[in-house]
Amino acid sequence: MKYMMFVCSDTEPDTGTADWPDIEVWVSENDARGRRLEGSKLAAVSAATTVRVRNGELLVSDGPFAETKEVIVGFDLLECADLDEAIEVARAHPMAWGGRLELRPLVDL
């Protein structure tokens, strides 16, 4: 099953003393196991463009639509047997400590 894992910033990162995992190790291990199909860091929020159509009119604005302190900073497309495996993959990601990870299953259309 495929999952989109949104990598998000968080205003309350872990303050524990344990070392965070290394992102390069996480990427290498999950690429080698075929669980990470694709992923990337995103440009800063200041580079975002929001596109909407309302009453037939194109509305384009700079930045994200929502005013929030937490933002999506990257993504990974995962292929896992089930949600439990996807959670274990996310648990080992450094941003599980410093941010938030949101897992969503992809829906076949």
PDB file of N, CA and C in Angstrom:
ATOM      1  N   MET A   1       0.845  -1.169   0.000  1.00  0.00           N
ATOM      2  CA  MET A   1       0.000   0.000   0.000  1.00  0.00           C
ATOM      3  C   MET A   1       0.892   1.233   0.000  1.00  0.00           C
ATOM      4  N   LYS A   2       0.489   2.242  -0.762  1.00  0.00           N
ATOM      5  CA  LYS A   2       1.272   3.469  -0.836  1.00  0.00           C
ATOM      6  C   LYS A   2       0.730   4.508   0.142  1.00  0.00           C
ATOM      7  N   TYR A   3       1.670   5.208   0.777  1.00  0.00           N
ATOM      8  CA  TYR A   3       1.340   6.269   1.721  1.00  0.00           C
ATOM      9  C   TYR A   3       2.128   7.521   1.367  1.00  0.00           C
ATOM     10  N   MET A   4       1.463   8.655   1.408  1.00  0.00           N
ATOM     11  CA  MET A   4       2.152   9.930   1.319  1.00  0.00           C
ATOM     12  C   MET A   4       2.462  10.330   2.750  1.00  0.00           C
ATOM     13  N   MET A   5       3.734  10.607   3.011  1.00  0.00           N
ATOM     14  CA  MET A   5       4.136  11.052   4.334  1.00  0.00           C
ATOM     15  C   MET A   5       4.526  12.524   4.218  1.00  0.00           C
ATOM     16  N   PHE A   6       3.693  13.378   4.771  1.00  0.00           N
ATOM     17  CA  PHE A   6       3.994  14.800   4.789  1.00  0.00           C
ATOM     18  C   PHE A   6       4.919  15.071   5.962  1.00  0.00           C
ATOM     19  N   VAL A   7       6.033  15.728   5.687  1.00  0.00           N
ATOM     20  CA  VAL A   7       7.005  16.091   6.711  1.00  0.00           C
ATOM     21  C   VAL A   7       6.726  17.541   7.079  1.00  0.00           C
ATOM     22  N   CYS A   8       6.361  17.776   8.337  1.00  0.00           N
ATOM     23  CA  CYS A   8       5.908  19.099   8.771  1.00  0.00           C
ATOM     24  C   CYS A   8       6.770  19.637   9.900  1.00  0.00           C
ATOM     25  N   SER A   9       6.911  20.945   9.914  1.00  0.00           N
ATOM     26  CA  SER A   9       7.561  21.580  11.059  1.00  0.00           C
ATOM     27  C   SER A   9       6.606  21.525  12.242  1.00  0.00           C
ATOM     28  N   ASP A  10       7.116  21.836  13.419  1.00  0.00           N
ATOM     29  CA  ASP A  10       6.287  21.817  14.622  1.00  0.00           C
ATOM     30  C   ASP A  10       6.842  22.847  15.594  1.00  0.00           C
ATOM     31  N   THR A  11       5.979  23.531  16.279  1.00  0.00           N
ATOM     32  CA  THR A  11       6.428  24.543  17.240  1.00  0.00           C
ATOM     33  C   THR A  11       6.882  23.922  18.552  1.00  0.00           C
ATOM     34  N   GLU A  12       6.658  22.614  18.723  1.00  0.00           N
ATOM     35  CA  GLU A  12       7.053  21.942  19.958  1.00  0.00           C
ATOM     36  C   GLU A  12       7.866  20.685  19.661  1.00  0.00           C
ATOM     37  N   PRO A  13       9.147  20.846  19.238  1.00  0.00           N
ATOM     38  CA  PRO A  13       9.975  19.666  18.959  1.00  0.00           C
ATOM     39  C   PRO A  13      10.348  18.937  20.245  1.00  0.00           C
ATOM     40  N   ASP A  14      10.809  17.696  20.101  1.00  0.00           N
ATOM     41  CA  ASP A  14      11.250  16.902  21.236  1.00  0.00           C
ATOM     42  C   ASP A  14      12.429  17.604  21.908  1.00  0.00           C
ATOM     43  N   THR A  15      12.387  17.681  23.211  1.00  0.00           N
ATOM     44  CA  THR A  15      13.475  18.323  23.963  1.00  0.00           C
ATOM     45  C   THR A  15      14.285  17.299  24.743  1.00  0.00           C
ATOM     46  N   GLY A  16      14.060  16.021  24.487  1.00  0.00           N
ATOM     47  CA  GLY A  16      14.809  14.960  25.161  1.00  0.00           C
ATOM     48  C   GLY A  16      16.284  14.996  24.781  1.00  0.00           C
ATOM     49  N   THR A  17      17.065  14.197  25.465  1.00  0.00           N
ATOM     50  CA  THR A  17      18.513  14.194  25.246  1.00  0.00           C
ATOM     51  C   THR A  17      18.969  13.128  24.266  1.00  0.00           C
ATOM     52  N   ALA A  18      18.065  12.273  23.816  1.00  0.00           N
ATOM     53  CA  ALA A  18      18.429  11.217  22.868  1.00  0.00           C
ATOM     54  C   ALA A  18      18.817  11.835  21.525  1.00  0.00           C
ATOM     55  N   ASP A  19      19.799  11.225  20.869  1.00  0.00           N
ATOM     56  CA  ASP A  19      20.213  11.689  19.541  1.00  0.00           C
ATOM     57  C   ASP A  19      19.123  11.386  18.529  1.00  0.00           C
ATOM     58  N   TRP A  20      18.864  12.360  17.663  1.00  0.00           N
ATOM     59  CA  TRP A  20      17.893  12.157  16.594  1.00  0.00           C
ATOM     60  C   TRP A  20      18.526  11.266  15.535  1.00  0.00           C
ATOM     61  N   PRO A  21      17.713  10.499  14.819  1.00  0.00           N
ATOM     62  CA  PRO A  21      18.252   9.678  13.727  1.00  0.00           C
ATOM     63  C   PRO A  21      18.863  10.552  12.630  1.00  0.00           C
ATOM     64  N   ASP A  22      19.766   9.978  11.873  1.00  0.00           N
ATOM     65  CA  ASP A  22      20.413  10.668  10.755  1.00  0.00           C
ATOM     66  C   ASP A  22      19.534  10.514   9.517  1.00  0.00           C
ATOM     67  N   ILE A  23      19.174  11.619   8.879  1.00  0.00           N
ATOM     68  CA  ILE A  23      18.281  11.570   7.716  1.00  0.00           C
ATOM     69  C   ILE A  23      18.904  10.799   6.555  1.00  0.00           C
ATOM     70  N   GLU A  24      20.209  10.916   6.362  1.00  0.00           N
ATOM     71  CA  GLU A  24      20.853  10.199   5.254  1.00  0.00           C
ATOM     72  C   GLU A  24      20.786   8.692   5.462  1.00  0.00           C
ATOM     73  N   VAL A  25      20.914   8.241   6.698  1.00  0.00           N
ATOM     74  CA  VAL A  25      20.792   6.815   7.008  1.00  0.00           C
ATOM     75  C   VAL A  25      19.349   6.369   6.782  1.00  0.00           C
ATOM     76  N   TRP A  26      18.388   7.180   7.246  1.00  0.00           N
ATOM     77  CA  TRP A  26      16.977   6.845   7.063  1.00  0.00           C
ATOM     78  C   TRP A  26      16.644   6.698   5.576  1.00  0.00           C
ATOM     79  N   VAL A  27      17.090   7.650   4.758  1.00  0.00           N
ATOM     80  CA  VAL A  27      16.825   7.602   3.318  1.00  0.00           C
ATOM     81  C   VAL A  27      17.475   6.371   2.706  1.00  0.00           C
ATOM     82  N   SER A  28      18.741   6.132   2.997  1.00  0.00           N
ATOM     83  CA  SER A  28      19.457   4.987   2.423  1.00  0.00           C
ATOM     84  C   SER A  28      18.795   3.664   2.771  1.00  0.00           C
ATOM     85  N   GLU A  29      18.445   3.493   4.060  1.00  0.00           N
ATOM     86  CA  GLU A  29      17.830   2.232   4.488  1.00  0.00           C
ATOM     87  C   GLU A  29      16.473   2.007   3.827  1.00  0.00           C
ATOM     88  N   ASN A  30      15.654   3.034   3.762  1.00  0.00           N
ATOM     89  CA  ASN A  30      14.313   2.859   3.192  1.00  0.00           C
ATOM     90  C   ASN A  30      14.332   2.782   1.678  1.00  0.00           C
ATOM     91  N   ASP A  31      15.282   3.448   1.030  1.00  0.00           N
ATOM     92  CA  ASP A  31      15.451   3.282  -0.413  1.00  0.00           C
ATOM     93  C   ASP A  31      15.882   1.844  -0.721  1.00  0.00           C
ATOM     94  N   ALA A  32      16.842   1.326   0.046  1.00  0.00           N
ATOM     95  CA  ALA A  32      17.358  -0.025  -0.183  1.00  0.00           C
ATOM     96  C   ALA A  32      16.276  -1.086   0.013  1.00  0.00           C
ATOM     97  N   ARG A  33      15.370  -0.858   0.938  1.00  0.00           N
ATOM     98  CA  ARG A  33      14.290  -1.821   1.205  1.00  0.00           C
ATOM     99  C   ARG A  33      13.088  -1.624   0.288  1.00  0.00           C
ATOM    100  N   GLY A  34      13.118  -0.609  -0.566  1.00  0.00           N
ATOM    101  CA  GLY A  34      12.014  -0.355  -1.487  1.00  0.00           C
ATOM    102  C   GLY A  34      10.799   0.263  -0.821  1.00  0.00           C
ATOM    103  N   ARG A  35      10.968   0.771   0.390  1.00  0.00           N
ATOM    104  CA  ARG A  35       9.826   1.366   1.103  1.00  0.00           C
ATOM    105  C   ARG A  35       9.680   2.854   0.797  1.00  0.00           C
ATOM    106  N   ARG A  36      10.744   3.516   0.406  1.00  0.00           N
ATOM    107  CA  ARG A  36      10.695   4.939   0.047  1.00  0.00           C
ATOM    108  C   ARG A  36      10.802   5.022  -1.469  1.00  0.00           C
ATOM    109  N   LEU A  37       9.711   5.413  -2.119  1.00  0.00           N
ATOM    110  CA  LEU A  37       9.677   5.463  -3.579  1.00  0.00           C
ATOM    111  C   LEU A  37      10.192   6.789  -4.112  1.00  0.00           C
ATOM    112  N   GLU A  38       9.957   7.842  -3.339  1.00  0.00           N
ATOM    113  CA  GLU A  38      10.370   9.180  -3.754  1.00  0.00           C
ATOM    114  C   GLU A  38      10.267  10.088  -2.541  1.00  0.00           C
ATOM    115  N   GLY A  39      11.005  11.167  -2.562  1.00  0.00           N
ATOM    116  CA  GLY A  39      10.908  12.133  -1.474  1.00  0.00           C
ATOM    117  C   GLY A  39      11.738  13.356  -1.793  1.00  0.00           C
ATOM    118  N   SER A  40      11.403  14.457  -1.138  1.00  0.00           N
ATOM    119  CA  SER A  40      12.135  15.690  -1.377  1.00  0.00           C
ATOM    120  C   SER A  40      11.845  16.699  -0.281  1.00  0.00           C
ATOM    121  N   LYS A  41      12.808  17.551  -0.057  1.00  0.00           N
ATOM    122  CA  LYS A  41      12.608  18.715   0.791  1.00  0.00           C
ATOM    123  C   LYS A  41      11.937  19.763  -0.086  1.00  0.00           C
ATOM    124  N   LEU A  42      11.093  20.597   0.495  1.00  0.00           N
ATOM    125  CA  LEU A  42      10.405  21.641  -0.259  1.00  0.00           C
ATOM    126  C   LEU A  42      11.087  22.986  -0.053  1.00  0.00           C
ATOM    127  N   ALA A  43      10.923  23.871  -1.014  1.00  0.00           N
ATOM    128  CA  ALA A  43      11.427  25.240  -0.887  1.00  0.00           C
ATOM    129  C   ALA A  43      10.684  25.938   0.252  1.00  0.00           C
ATOM    130  N   ALA A  44      11.203  27.067   0.676  1.00  0.00           N
ATOM    131  CA  ALA A  44      10.600  27.823   1.778  1.00  0.00           C
ATOM    132  C   ALA A  44       9.166  28.228   1.466  1.00  0.00           C
ATOM    133  N   VAL A  45       8.378  28.439   2.503  1.00  0.00           N
ATOM    134  CA  VAL A  45       6.984  28.855   2.362  1.00  0.00           C
ATOM    135  C   VAL A  45       6.888  30.130   1.531  1.00  0.00           C
ATOM    136  N   SER A  46       7.880  30.983   1.628  1.00  0.00           N
ATOM    137  CA  SER A  46       7.857  32.240   0.869  1.00  0.00           C
ATOM    138  C   SER A  46       7.860  32.010  -0.636  1.00  0.00           C
ATOM    139  N   ALA A  47       8.227  30.804  -1.078  1.00  0.00           N
ATOM    140  CA  ALA A  47       8.238  30.482  -2.511  1.00  0.00           C
ATOM    141  C   ALA A  47       6.921  29.847  -2.967  1.00  0.00           C
ATOM    142  N   ALA A  48       5.986  29.634  -2.048  1.00  0.00           N
ATOM    143  CA  ALA A  48       4.727  28.958  -2.372  1.00  0.00           C
ATOM    144  C   ALA A  48       3.774  29.881  -3.138  1.00  0.00           C
ATOM    145  N   THR A  49       2.953  29.272  -3.967  1.00  0.00           N
ATOM    146  CA  THR A  49       1.883  29.954  -4.677  1.00  0.00           C
ATOM    147  C   THR A  49       0.610  29.146  -4.487  1.00  0.00           C
ATOM    148  N   THR A  50      -0.458  29.815  -4.124  1.00  0.00           N
ATOM    149  CA  THR A  50      -1.748  29.161  -3.940  1.00  0.00           C
ATOM    150  C   THR A  50      -2.644  29.508  -5.126  1.00  0.00           C
ATOM    151  N   VAL A  51      -3.267  28.491  -5.716  1.00  0.00           N
ATOM    152  CA  VAL A  51      -4.139  28.667  -6.874  1.00  0.00           C
ATOM    153  C   VAL A  51      -5.539  28.197  -6.491  1.00  0.00           C
ATOM    154  N   ARG A  52      -6.530  29.046  -6.749  1.00  0.00           N
ATOM    155  CA  ARG A  52      -7.933  28.703  -6.507  1.00  0.00           C
ATOM    156  C   ARG A  52      -8.767  29.259  -7.660  1.00  0.00           C
ATOM    157  N   VAL A  53      -9.919  28.667  -7.869  1.00  0.00           N
ATOM    158  CA  VAL A  53     -10.912  29.210  -8.795  1.00  0.00           C
ATOM    159  C   VAL A  53     -12.200  29.384  -8.005  1.00  0.00           C
ATOM    160  N   ARG A  54     -12.731  30.610  -8.010  1.00  0.00           N
ATOM    161  CA  ARG A  54     -13.977  30.925  -7.318  1.00  0.00           C
ATOM    162  C   ARG A  54     -14.873  31.697  -8.267  1.00  0.00           C
ATOM    163  N   ASN A  55     -16.098  31.169  -8.460  1.00  0.00           N
ATOM    164  CA  ASN A  55     -17.047  31.777  -9.395  1.00  0.00           C
ATOM    165  C   ASN A  55     -16.422  31.953 -10.780  1.00  0.00           C
ATOM    166  N   GLY A  56     -15.624  30.970 -11.188  1.00  0.00           N
ATOM    167  CA  GLY A  56     -14.995  30.999 -12.496  1.00  0.00           C
ATOM    168  C   GLY A  56     -13.776  31.898 -12.604  1.00  0.00           C
ATOM    169  N   GLU A  57     -13.419  32.593 -11.540  1.00  0.00           N
ATOM    170  CA  GLU A  57     -12.286  33.516 -11.571  1.00  0.00           C
ATOM    171  C   GLU A  57     -11.051  32.862 -10.958  1.00  0.00           C
ATOM    172  N   LEU A  58      -9.926  32.975 -11.650  1.00  0.00           N
ATOM    173  CA  LEU A  58      -8.656  32.465 -11.168  1.00  0.00           C
ATOM    174  C   LEU A  58      -8.111  33.402 -10.089  1.00  0.00           C
ATOM    175  N   LEU A  59      -7.806  32.833  -8.940  1.00  0.00           N
ATOM    176  CA  LEU A  59      -7.221  33.598  -7.841  1.00  0.00           C
ATOM    177  C   LEU A  59      -5.856  33.005  -7.526  1.00  0.00           C
ATOM    178  N   VAL A  60      -4.819  33.790  -7.655  1.00  0.00           N
ATOM    179  CA  VAL A  60      -3.451  33.353  -7.388  1.00  0.00           C
ATOM    180  C   VAL A  60      -2.881  34.244  -6.295  1.00  0.00           C
ATOM    181  N   SER A  61      -2.341  33.618  -5.256  1.00  0.00           N
ATOM    182  CA  SER A  61      -1.752  34.403  -4.170  1.00  0.00           C
ATOM    183  C   SER A  61      -0.418  33.800  -3.758  1.00  0.00           C
ATOM    184  N   ASP A  62       0.438  34.626  -3.196  1.00  0.00           N
ATOM    185  CA  ASP A  62       1.731  34.168  -2.702  1.00  0.00           C
ATOM    186  C   ASP A  62       1.548  33.441  -1.383  1.00  0.00           C
ATOM    187  N   GLY A  63       2.389  32.463  -1.159  1.00  0.00           N
ATOM    188  CA  GLY A  63       2.406  31.772   0.120  1.00  0.00           C
ATOM    189  C   GLY A  63       1.308  30.748   0.264  1.00  0.00           C
ATOM    190  N   PRO A  64       1.305  30.069   1.408  1.00  0.00           N
ATOM    191  CA  PRO A  64       0.278  29.048   1.655  1.00  0.00           C
ATOM    192  C   PRO A  64      -1.058  29.700   1.958  1.00  0.00           C
ATOM    193  N   PHE A  65      -2.127  28.942   1.726  1.00  0.00           N
ATOM    194  CA  PHE A  65      -3.477  29.451   1.976  1.00  0.00           C
ATOM    195  C   PHE A  65      -3.717  29.645   3.469  1.00  0.00           C
ATOM    196  N   ALA A  66      -3.280  28.688   4.269  1.00  0.00           N
ATOM    197  CA  ALA A  66      -3.533  28.750   5.714  1.00  0.00           C
ATOM    198  C   ALA A  66      -2.451  29.561   6.415  1.00  0.00           C
ATOM    199  N   GLU A  67      -2.866  30.376   7.351  1.00  0.00           N
ATOM    200  CA  GLU A  67      -1.923  31.091   8.204  1.00  0.00           C
ATOM    201  C   GLU A  67      -1.618  30.184   9.388  1.00  0.00           C
ATOM    202  N   THR A  68      -0.415  29.627   9.421  1.00  0.00           N
ATOM    203  CA  THR A  68      -0.057  28.687  10.473  1.00  0.00           C
ATOM    204  C   THR A  68       1.438  28.727  10.710  1.00  0.00           C
ATOM    205  N   LYS A  69       1.868  28.362  11.884  1.00  0.00           N
ATOM    206  CA  LYS A  69       3.293  28.296  12.194  1.00  0.00           C
ATOM    207  C   LYS A  69       3.874  26.970  11.736  1.00  0.00           C
ATOM    208  N   GLU A  70       3.056  25.919  11.710  1.00  0.00           N
ATOM    209  CA  GLU A  70       3.511  24.628  11.223  1.00  0.00           C
ATOM    210  C   GLU A  70       3.291  24.574   9.714  1.00  0.00           C
ATOM    211  N   VAL A  71       4.300  24.141   8.982  1.00  0.00           N
ATOM    212  CA  VAL A  71       4.198  24.073   7.527  1.00  0.00           C
ATOM    213  C   VAL A  71       4.753  22.741   7.034  1.00  0.00           C
ATOM    214  N   ILE A  72       4.332  22.337   5.849  1.00  0.00           N
ATOM    215  CA  ILE A  72       4.886  21.153   5.201  1.00  0.00           C
ATOM    216  C   ILE A  72       6.246  21.538   4.646  1.00  0.00           C
ATOM    217  N   VAL A  73       7.291  20.832   5.066  1.00  0.00           N
ATOM    218  CA  VAL A  73       8.652  21.146   4.634  1.00  0.00           C
ATOM    219  C   VAL A  73       9.216  20.096   3.682  1.00  0.00           C
ATOM    220  N   GLY A  74       8.493  18.991   3.502  1.00  0.00           N
ATOM    221  CA  GLY A  74       8.956  17.947   2.606  1.00  0.00           C
ATOM    222  C   GLY A  74       7.929  16.833   2.526  1.00  0.00           C
ATOM    223  N   PHE A  75       8.270  15.804   1.768  1.00  0.00           N
ATOM    224  CA  PHE A  75       7.371  14.661   1.622  1.00  0.00           C
ATOM    225  C   PHE A  75       8.175  13.426   1.279  1.00  0.00           C
ATOM    226  N   ASP A  76       7.599  12.282   1.556  1.00  0.00           N
ATOM    227  CA  ASP A  76       8.138  10.999   1.114  1.00  0.00           C
ATOM    228  C   ASP A  76       6.959  10.145   0.687  1.00  0.00           C
ATOM    229  N   LEU A  77       7.103   9.489  -0.439  1.00  0.00           N
ATOM    230  CA  LEU A  77       6.115   8.532  -0.910  1.00  0.00           C
ATOM    231  C   LEU A  77       6.600   7.156  -0.487  1.00  0.00           C
ATOM    232  N   LEU A  78       5.810   6.485   0.344  1.00  0.00           N
ATOM    233  CA  LEU A  78       6.201   5.194   0.905  1.00  0.00           C
ATOM    234  C   LEU A  78       5.378   4.062   0.312  1.00  0.00           C
ATOM    235  N   GLU A  79       5.989   2.890   0.235  1.00  0.00           N
ATOM    236  CA  GLU A  79       5.284   1.655  -0.134  1.00  0.00           C
ATOM    237  C   GLU A  79       5.485   0.701   1.033  1.00  0.00           C
ATOM    238  N   CYS A  80       4.416   0.432   1.759  1.00  0.00           N
ATOM    239  CA  CYS A  80       4.478  -0.407   2.957  1.00  0.00           C
ATOM    240  C   CYS A  80       3.372  -1.448   2.901  1.00  0.00           C
ATOM    241  N   ALA A  81       3.576  -2.511   3.638  1.00  0.00           N
ATOM    242  CA  ALA A  81       2.577  -3.581   3.660  1.00  0.00           C
ATOM    243  C   ALA A  81       1.262  -3.098   4.255  1.00  0.00           C
ATOM    244  N   ASP A  82       1.353  -2.228   5.272  1.00  0.00           N
ATOM    245  CA  ASP A  82       0.156  -1.745   5.945  1.00  0.00           C
ATOM    246  C   ASP A  82       0.504  -0.500   6.757  1.00  0.00           C
ATOM    247  N   LEU A  83      -0.487   0.039   7.446  1.00  0.00           N
ATOM    248  CA  LEU A  83      -0.278   1.245   8.237  1.00  0.00           C
ATOM    249  C   LEU A  83       0.730   1.023   9.353  1.00  0.00           C
ATOM    250  N   ASP A  84       0.730  -0.150   9.960  1.00  0.00           N
ATOM    251  CA  ASP A  84       1.690  -0.423  11.031  1.00  0.00           C
ATOM    252  C   ASP A  84       3.130  -0.282  10.543  1.00  0.00           C
ATOM    253  N   GLU A  85       3.410  -0.809   9.349  1.00  0.00           N
ATOM    254  CA  GLU A  85       4.761  -0.676   8.800  1.00  0.00           C
ATOM    255  C   GLU A  85       5.063   0.782   8.475  1.00  0.00           C
ATOM    256  N   ALA A  86       4.097   1.506   7.929  1.00  0.00           N
ATOM    257  CA  ALA A  86       4.300   2.920   7.622  1.00  0.00           C
ATOM    258  C   ALA A  86       4.592   3.722   8.889  1.00  0.00           C
ATOM    259  N   ILE A  87       3.937   3.395   9.973  1.00  0.00           N
ATOM    260  CA  ILE A  87       4.181   4.063  11.252  1.00  0.00           C
ATOM    261  C   ILE A  87       5.603   3.773  11.733  1.00  0.00           C
ATOM    262  N   GLU A  88       6.062   2.544  11.587  1.00  0.00           N
ATOM    263  CA  GLU A  88       7.432   2.206  11.990  1.00  0.00           C
ATOM    264  C   GLU A  88       8.459   2.954  11.139  1.00  0.00           C
ATOM    265  N   VAL A  89       8.191   3.098   9.853  1.00  0.00           N
ATOM    266  CA  VAL A  89       9.085   3.862   8.972  1.00  0.00           C
ATOM    267  C   VAL A  89       9.108   5.320   9.421  1.00  0.00           C
ATOM    268  N   ALA A  90       7.931   5.882   9.687  1.00  0.00           N
ATOM    269  CA  ALA A  90       7.847   7.279  10.127  1.00  0.00           C
ATOM    270  C   ALA A  90       8.510   7.482  11.483  1.00  0.00           C
ATOM    271  N   ARG A  91       8.359   6.530  12.346  1.00  0.00           N
ATOM    272  CA  ARG A  91       8.938   6.627  13.699  1.00  0.00           C
ATOM    273  C   ARG A  91      10.450   6.819  13.665  1.00  0.00           C
ATOM    274  N   ALA A  92      11.105   6.257  12.678  1.00  0.00           N
ATOM    275  CA  ALA A  92      12.561   6.333  12.573  1.00  0.00           C
ATOM    276  C   ALA A  92      13.045   7.586  11.847  1.00  0.00           C
ATOM    277  N   HIS A  93      12.128   8.391  11.320  1.00  0.00           N
ATOM    278  CA  HIS A  93      12.494   9.618  10.590  1.00  0.00           C
ATOM    279  C   HIS A  93      12.873  10.714  11.587  1.00  0.00           C
ATOM    280  N   PRO A  94      13.939  11.489  11.333  1.00  0.00           N
ATOM    281  CA  PRO A  94      14.345  12.548  12.262  1.00  0.00           C
ATOM    282  C   PRO A  94      13.248  13.555  12.579  1.00  0.00           C
ATOM    283  N   MET A  95      12.378  13.836  11.635  1.00  0.00           N
ATOM    284  CA  MET A  95      11.328  14.825  11.900  1.00  0.00           C
ATOM    285  C   MET A  95      10.236  14.292  12.825  1.00  0.00           C
ATOM    286  N   ALA A  96      10.267  12.997  13.153  1.00  0.00           N
ATOM    287  CA  ALA A  96       9.368  12.508  14.193  1.00  0.00           C
ATOM    288  C   ALA A  96       9.756  13.140  15.529  1.00  0.00           C
ATOM    289  N   TRP A  97      11.029  13.520  15.656  1.00  0.00           N
ATOM    290  CA  TRP A  97      11.520  14.183  16.858  1.00  0.00           C
ATOM    291  C   TRP A  97      11.388  15.706  16.748  1.00  0.00           C
ATOM    292  N   GLY A  98      11.731  16.242  15.594  1.00  0.00           N
ATOM    293  CA  GLY A  98      11.790  17.697  15.456  1.00  0.00           C
ATOM    294  C   GLY A  98      10.564  18.335  14.857  1.00  0.00           C
ATOM    295  N   GLY A  99       9.657  17.531  14.356  1.00  0.00           N
ATOM    296  CA  GLY A  99       8.462  18.069  13.711  1.00  0.00           C
ATOM    297  C   GLY A  99       7.305  17.113  13.858  1.00  0.00           C
ATOM    298  N   ARG A 100       6.562  16.958  12.766  1.00  0.00           N
ATOM    299  CA  ARG A 100       5.417  16.043  12.727  1.00  0.00           C
ATOM    300  C   ARG A 100       5.445  15.326  11.390  1.00  0.00           C
ATOM    301  N   LEU A 101       4.960  14.114  11.371  1.00  0.00           N
ATOM    302  CA  LEU A 101       4.823  13.354  10.131  1.00  0.00           C
ATOM    303  C   LEU A 101       3.374  12.933  10.003  1.00  0.00           C
ATOM    304  N   GLU A 102       2.780  13.245   8.872  1.00  0.00           N
ATOM    305  CA  GLU A 102       1.391  12.872   8.622  1.00  0.00           C
ATOM    306  C   GLU A 102       1.375  11.812   7.542  1.00  0.00           C
ATOM    307  N   LEU A 103       0.785  10.677   7.831  1.00  0.00           N
ATOM    308  CA  LEU A 103       0.672   9.579   6.876  1.00  0.00           C
ATOM    309  C   LEU A 103      -0.735   9.542   6.296  1.00  0.00           C
ATOM    310  N   ARG A 104      -0.813   9.467   4.969  1.00  0.00           N
ATOM    311  CA  ARG A 104      -2.118   9.322   4.310  1.00  0.00           C
ATOM    312  C   ARG A 104      -2.005   8.258   3.226  1.00  0.00           C
ATOM    313  N   PRO A 105      -2.918   7.290   3.251  1.00  0.00           N
ATOM    314  CA  PRO A 105      -2.902   6.292   2.181  1.00  0.00           C
ATOM    315  C   PRO A 105      -3.327   6.929   0.858  1.00  0.00           C
ATOM    316  N   LEU A 106      -2.711   6.486  -0.221  1.00  0.00           N
ATOM    317  CA  LEU A 106      -3.126   6.941  -1.537  1.00  0.00           C
ATOM    318  C   LEU A 106      -4.341   6.136  -1.977  1.00  0.00           C
ATOM    319  N   VAL A 107      -5.240   6.772  -2.675  1.00  0.00           N
ATOM    320  CA  VAL A 107      -6.457   6.130  -3.150  1.00  0.00           C
ATOM    321  C   VAL A 107      -6.324   5.927  -4.647  1.00  0.00           C
ATOM    322  N   ASP A 108      -6.509   4.704  -5.100  1.00  0.00           N
ATOM    323  CA  ASP A 108      -6.490   4.433  -6.535  1.00  0.00           C
ATOM    324  C   ASP A 108      -7.751   4.998  -7.163  1.00  0.00           C
ATOM    325  N   LEU A 109      -7.566   5.752  -8.236  1.00  0.00           N
ATOM    326  CA  LEU A 109      -8.710   6.327  -8.934  1.00  0.00           C
ATOM    327  C   LEU A 109      -9.082   5.508 -10.145  1.00  0.00           C
TER     328      LEU A 109
END
